[in-house]
Amino acid sequence: MTFNPLNFVSNLYYMGVGMACILIVIAVIIACVIVLQKLGDKLAEKKSGEDAQ
């Protein structure tokens, strides 16, 4: 096995793509949590409005 430091430089592209994919997945999860939180808030308002009547 030989050590070639230029292989690290050539693999930076793949590491960047992997990090970008991780970032995209995290952004999708955050977006889903925000949407679910807003839906939960609306349902809670609706439910508390029905209880008051």
PDB file of N, CA and C in Angstrom:
ATOM      1  N   MET A   1       0.850  -1.176   0.000  1.00  0.00           N
ATOM      2  CA  MET A   1       0.000   0.000   0.000  1.00  0.00           C
ATOM      3  C   MET A   1       0.895   1.238   0.000  1.00  0.00           C
ATOM      4  N   THR A   2       0.609   2.122  -0.907  1.00  0.00           N
ATOM      5  CA  THR A   2       1.417   3.342  -1.000  1.00  0.00           C
ATOM      6  C   THR A   2       0.606   4.530  -0.519  1.00  0.00           C
ATOM      7  N   PHE A   3       1.319   5.499  -0.045  1.00  0.00           N
ATOM      8  CA  PHE A   3       0.685   6.715   0.452  1.00  0.00           C
ATOM      9  C   PHE A   3       0.778   7.785  -0.627  1.00  0.00           C
ATOM     10  N   ASN A   4      -0.395   8.270  -1.068  1.00  0.00           N
ATOM     11  CA  ASN A   4      -0.432   9.304  -2.095  1.00  0.00           C
ATOM     12  C   ASN A   4      -1.291  10.455  -1.583  1.00  0.00           C
ATOM     13  N   PRO A   5      -0.680  11.556  -1.165  1.00  0.00           N
ATOM     14  CA  PRO A   5      -1.456  12.664  -0.597  1.00  0.00           C
ATOM     15  C   PRO A   5      -2.423  13.311  -1.588  1.00  0.00           C
ATOM     16  N   LEU A   6      -2.188  13.171  -2.877  1.00  0.00           N
ATOM     17  CA  LEU A   6      -3.084  13.777  -3.871  1.00  0.00           C
ATOM     18  C   LEU A   6      -4.440  13.066  -3.920  1.00  0.00           C
ATOM     19  N   ASN A   7      -4.486  11.834  -3.416  1.00  0.00           N
ATOM     20  CA  ASN A   7      -5.776  11.142  -3.356  1.00  0.00           C
ATOM     21  C   ASN A   7      -6.730  11.876  -2.417  1.00  0.00           C
ATOM     22  N   PHE A   8      -6.196  12.444  -1.346  1.00  0.00           N
ATOM     23  CA  PHE A   8      -7.037  13.220  -0.431  1.00  0.00           C
ATOM     24  C   PHE A   8      -7.661  14.399  -1.158  1.00  0.00           C
ATOM     25  N   VAL A   9      -6.861  15.099  -1.943  1.00  0.00           N
ATOM     26  CA  VAL A   9      -7.357  16.263  -2.678  1.00  0.00           C
ATOM     27  C   VAL A   9      -8.408  15.839  -3.695  1.00  0.00           C
ATOM     28  N   SER A  10      -8.208  14.720  -4.365  1.00  0.00           N
ATOM     29  CA  SER A  10      -9.183  14.270  -5.357  1.00  0.00           C
ATOM     30  C   SER A  10     -10.476  13.781  -4.696  1.00  0.00           C
ATOM     31  N   ASN A  11     -10.417  13.375  -3.435  1.00  0.00           N
ATOM     32  CA  ASN A  11     -11.621  12.914  -2.731  1.00  0.00           C
ATOM     33  C   ASN A  11     -12.374  14.035  -2.032  1.00  0.00           C
ATOM     34  N   LEU A  12     -11.832  15.245  -2.044  1.00  0.00           N
ATOM     35  CA  LEU A  12     -12.537  16.360  -1.419  1.00  0.00           C
ATOM     36  C   LEU A  12     -13.895  16.611  -2.078  1.00  0.00           C
ATOM     37  N   TYR A  13     -13.994  16.377  -3.379  1.00  0.00           N
ATOM     38  CA  TYR A  13     -15.273  16.545  -4.081  1.00  0.00           C
ATOM     39  C   TYR A  13     -16.342  15.623  -3.479  1.00  0.00           C
ATOM     40  N   TYR A  14     -16.000  14.367  -3.286  1.00  0.00           N
ATOM     41  CA  TYR A  14     -16.957  13.395  -2.747  1.00  0.00           C
ATOM     42  C   TYR A  14     -17.329  13.716  -1.300  1.00  0.00           C
ATOM     43  N   MET A  15     -16.368  14.198  -0.544  1.00  0.00           N
ATOM     44  CA  MET A  15     -16.667  14.588   0.835  1.00  0.00           C
ATOM     45  C   MET A  15     -17.599  15.800   0.841  1.00  0.00           C
ATOM     46  N   GLY A  16     -17.385  16.727  -0.083  1.00  0.00           N
ATOM     47  CA  GLY A  16     -18.256  17.895  -0.189  1.00  0.00           C
ATOM     48  C   GLY A  16     -19.677  17.506  -0.568  1.00  0.00           C
ATOM     49  N   VAL A  17     -19.816  16.581  -1.502  1.00  0.00           N
ATOM     50  CA  VAL A  17     -21.146  16.104  -1.901  1.00  0.00           C
ATOM     51  C   VAL A  17     -21.833  15.416  -0.723  1.00  0.00           C
ATOM     52  N   GLY A  18     -21.102  14.635   0.019  1.00  0.00           N
ATOM     53  CA  GLY A  18     -21.675  13.963   1.191  1.00  0.00           C
ATOM     54  C   GLY A  18     -22.135  14.960   2.241  1.00  0.00           C
ATOM     55  N   MET A  19     -21.329  15.985   2.493  1.00  0.00           N
ATOM     56  CA  MET A  19     -21.712  17.008   3.469  1.00  0.00           C
ATOM     57  C   MET A  19     -22.931  17.793   2.989  1.00  0.00           C
ATOM     58  N   ALA A  20     -23.000  18.058   1.684  1.00  0.00           N
ATOM     59  CA  ALA A  20     -24.163  18.768   1.129  1.00  0.00           C
ATOM     60  C   ALA A  20     -25.430  17.930   1.298  1.00  0.00           C
ATOM     61  N   CYS A  21     -25.327  16.632   1.070  1.00  0.00           N
ATOM     62  CA  CYS A  21     -26.489  15.749   1.253  1.00  0.00           C
ATOM     63  C   CYS A  21     -26.933  15.720   2.707  1.00  0.00           C
ATOM     64  N   ILE A  22     -25.988  15.682   3.622  1.00  0.00           N
ATOM     65  CA  ILE A  22     -26.333  15.705   5.043  1.00  0.00           C
ATOM     66  C   ILE A  22     -27.033  17.007   5.392  1.00  0.00           C
ATOM     67  N   LEU A  23     -26.532  18.116   4.855  1.00  0.00           N
ATOM     68  CA  LEU A  23     -27.148  19.417   5.095  1.00  0.00           C
ATOM     69  C   LEU A  23     -28.574  19.460   4.560  1.00  0.00           C
ATOM     70  N   ILE A  24     -28.795  18.899   3.374  1.00  0.00           N
ATOM     71  CA  ILE A  24     -30.133  18.873   2.781  1.00  0.00           C
ATOM     72  C   ILE A  24     -31.085  18.037   3.637  1.00  0.00           C
ATOM     73  N   VAL A  25     -30.631  16.886   4.103  1.00  0.00           N
ATOM     74  CA  VAL A  25     -31.478  16.023   4.935  1.00  0.00           C
ATOM     75  C   VAL A  25     -31.843  16.729   6.238  1.00  0.00           C
ATOM     76  N   ILE A  26     -30.884  17.400   6.860  1.00  0.00           N
ATOM     77  CA  ILE A  26     -31.157  18.128   8.096  1.00  0.00           C
ATOM     78  C   ILE A  26     -32.153  19.252   7.841  1.00  0.00           C
ATOM     79  N   ALA A  27     -32.006  19.961   6.712  1.00  0.00           N
ATOM     80  CA  ALA A  27     -32.943  21.039   6.377  1.00  0.00           C
ATOM     81  C   ALA A  27     -34.358  20.499   6.169  1.00  0.00           C
ATOM     82  N   VAL A  28     -34.491  19.342   5.540  1.00  0.00           N
ATOM     83  CA  VAL A  28     -35.815  18.735   5.333  1.00  0.00           C
ATOM     84  C   VAL A  28     -36.427  18.335   6.670  1.00  0.00           C
ATOM     85  N   ILE A  29     -35.635  17.783   7.562  1.00  0.00           N
ATOM     86  CA  ILE A  29     -36.148  17.399   8.877  1.00  0.00           C
ATOM     87  C   ILE A  29     -36.604  18.630   9.647  1.00  0.00           C
ATOM     88  N   ILE A  30     -35.815  19.702   9.613  1.00  0.00           N
ATOM     89  CA  ILE A  30     -36.197  20.940  10.300  1.00  0.00           C
ATOM     90  C   ILE A  30     -37.477  21.498   9.711  1.00  0.00           C
ATOM     91  N   ALA A  31     -37.610  21.484   8.383  1.00  0.00           N
ATOM     92  CA  ALA A  31     -38.828  21.982   7.742  1.00  0.00           C
ATOM     93  C   ALA A  31     -40.044  21.155   8.161  1.00  0.00           C
ATOM     94  N   CYS A  32     -39.892  19.842   8.234  1.00  0.00           N
ATOM     95  CA  CYS A  32     -41.004  18.985   8.657  1.00  0.00           C
ATOM     96  C   CYS A  32     -41.410  19.288  10.097  1.00  0.00           C
ATOM     97  N   VAL A  33     -40.442  19.493  10.965  1.00  0.00           N
ATOM     98  CA  VAL A  33     -40.743  19.791  12.362  1.00  0.00           C
ATOM     99  C   VAL A  33     -41.482  21.124  12.468  1.00  0.00           C
ATOM    100  N   ILE A  34     -41.062  22.127  11.698  1.00  0.00           N
ATOM    101  CA  ILE A  34     -41.724  23.434  11.735  1.00  0.00           C
ATOM    102  C   ILE A  34     -43.164  23.316  11.251  1.00  0.00           C
ATOM    103  N   VAL A  35     -43.373  22.582  10.157  1.00  0.00           N
ATOM    104  CA  VAL A  35     -44.737  22.408   9.628  1.00  0.00           C
ATOM    105  C   VAL A  35     -45.609  21.676  10.640  1.00  0.00           C
ATOM    106  N   LEU A  36     -45.088  20.614  11.241  1.00  0.00           N
ATOM    107  CA  LEU A  36     -45.871  19.873  12.234  1.00  0.00           C
ATOM    108  C   LEU A  36     -46.178  20.727  13.461  1.00  0.00           C
ATOM    109  N   GLN A  37     -45.242  21.577  13.854  1.00  0.00           N
ATOM    110  CA  GLN A  37     -45.478  22.445  14.999  1.00  0.00           C
ATOM    111  C   GLN A  37     -46.585  23.456  14.689  1.00  0.00           C
ATOM    112  N   LYS A  38     -46.569  24.017  13.482  1.00  0.00           N
ATOM    113  CA  LYS A  38     -47.609  24.974  13.110  1.00  0.00           C
ATOM    114  C   LYS A  38     -48.975  24.290  13.024  1.00  0.00           C
ATOM    115  N   LEU A  39     -48.998  23.074  12.491  1.00  0.00           N
ATOM    116  CA  LEU A  39     -50.263  22.332  12.429  1.00  0.00           C
ATOM    117  C   LEU A  39     -50.767  22.023  13.837  1.00  0.00           C
ATOM    118  N   GLY A  40     -49.863  21.657  14.725  1.00  0.00           N
ATOM    119  CA  GLY A  40     -50.249  21.368  16.104  1.00  0.00           C
ATOM    120  C   GLY A  40     -50.782  22.605  16.806  1.00  0.00           C
ATOM    121  N   ASP A  41     -50.165  23.758  16.546  1.00  0.00           N
ATOM    122  CA  ASP A  41     -50.653  24.999  17.146  1.00  0.00           C
ATOM    123  C   ASP A  41     -52.056  25.339  16.647  1.00  0.00           C
ATOM    124  N   LYS A  42     -52.302  25.143  15.356  1.00  0.00           N
ATOM    125  CA  LYS A  42     -53.628  25.431  14.800  1.00  0.00           C
ATOM    126  C   LYS A  42     -54.675  24.483  15.384  1.00  0.00           C
ATOM    127  N   LEU A  43     -54.307  23.216  15.523  1.00  0.00           N
ATOM    128  CA  LEU A  43     -55.254  22.261  16.089  1.00  0.00           C
ATOM    129  C   LEU A  43     -55.530  22.576  17.553  1.00  0.00           C
ATOM    130  N   ALA A  44     -54.518  23.013  18.287  1.00  0.00           N
ATOM    131  CA  ALA A  44     -54.699  23.366  19.688  1.00  0.00           C
ATOM    132  C   ALA A  44     -55.593  24.597  19.813  1.00  0.00           C
ATOM    133  N   GLU A  45     -55.415  25.578  18.909  1.00  0.00           N
ATOM    134  CA  GLU A  45     -56.286  26.761  18.944  1.00  0.00           C
ATOM    135  C   GLU A  45     -57.732  26.358  18.634  1.00  0.00           C
ATOM    136  N   LYS A  46     -57.873  25.516  17.643  1.00  0.00           N
ATOM    137  CA  LYS A  46     -59.221  25.071  17.249  1.00  0.00           C
ATOM    138  C   LYS A  46     -59.891  24.317  18.404  1.00  0.00           C
ATOM    139  N   LYS A  47     -59.131  23.442  19.044  1.00  0.00           N
ATOM    140  CA  LYS A  47     -59.662  22.645  20.127  1.00  0.00           C
ATOM    141  C   LYS A  47     -60.020  23.525  21.338  1.00  0.00           C
ATOM    142  N   SER A  48     -59.159  24.488  21.645  1.00  0.00           N
ATOM    143  CA  SER A  48     -59.435  25.354  22.802  1.00  0.00           C
ATOM    144  C   SER A  48     -60.610  26.278  22.482  1.00  0.00           C
ATOM    145  N   GLY A  49     -60.779  26.642  21.218  1.00  0.00           N
ATOM    146  CA  GLY A  49     -61.942  27.463  20.820  1.00  0.00           C
ATOM    147  C   GLY A  49     -63.237  26.675  20.953  1.00  0.00           C
ATOM    148  N   GLU A  50     -63.206  25.401  20.650  1.00  0.00           N
ATOM    149  CA  GLU A  50     -64.392  24.569  20.774  1.00  0.00           C
ATOM    150  C   GLU A  50     -64.734  24.344  22.242  1.00  0.00           C
ATOM    151  N   ASP A  51     -63.716  24.217  23.097  1.00  0.00           N
ATOM    152  CA  ASP A  51     -63.956  24.000  24.517  1.00  0.00           C
ATOM    153  C   ASP A  51     -64.576  25.229  25.165  1.00  0.00           C
ATOM    154  N   ALA A  52     -64.235  26.422  24.685  1.00  0.00           N
ATOM    155  CA  ALA A  52     -64.725  27.658  25.290  1.00  0.00           C
ATOM    156  C   ALA A  52     -66.207  27.879  24.980  1.00  0.00           C
ATOM    157  N   GLN A  53     -66.669  27.297  23.885  1.00  0.00           N
ATOM    158  CA  GLN A  53     -68.080  27.519  23.499  1.00  0.00           C
ATOM    159  C   GLN A  53     -69.016  26.609  24.193  1.00  0.00           C
TER     160      GLN A  53
END
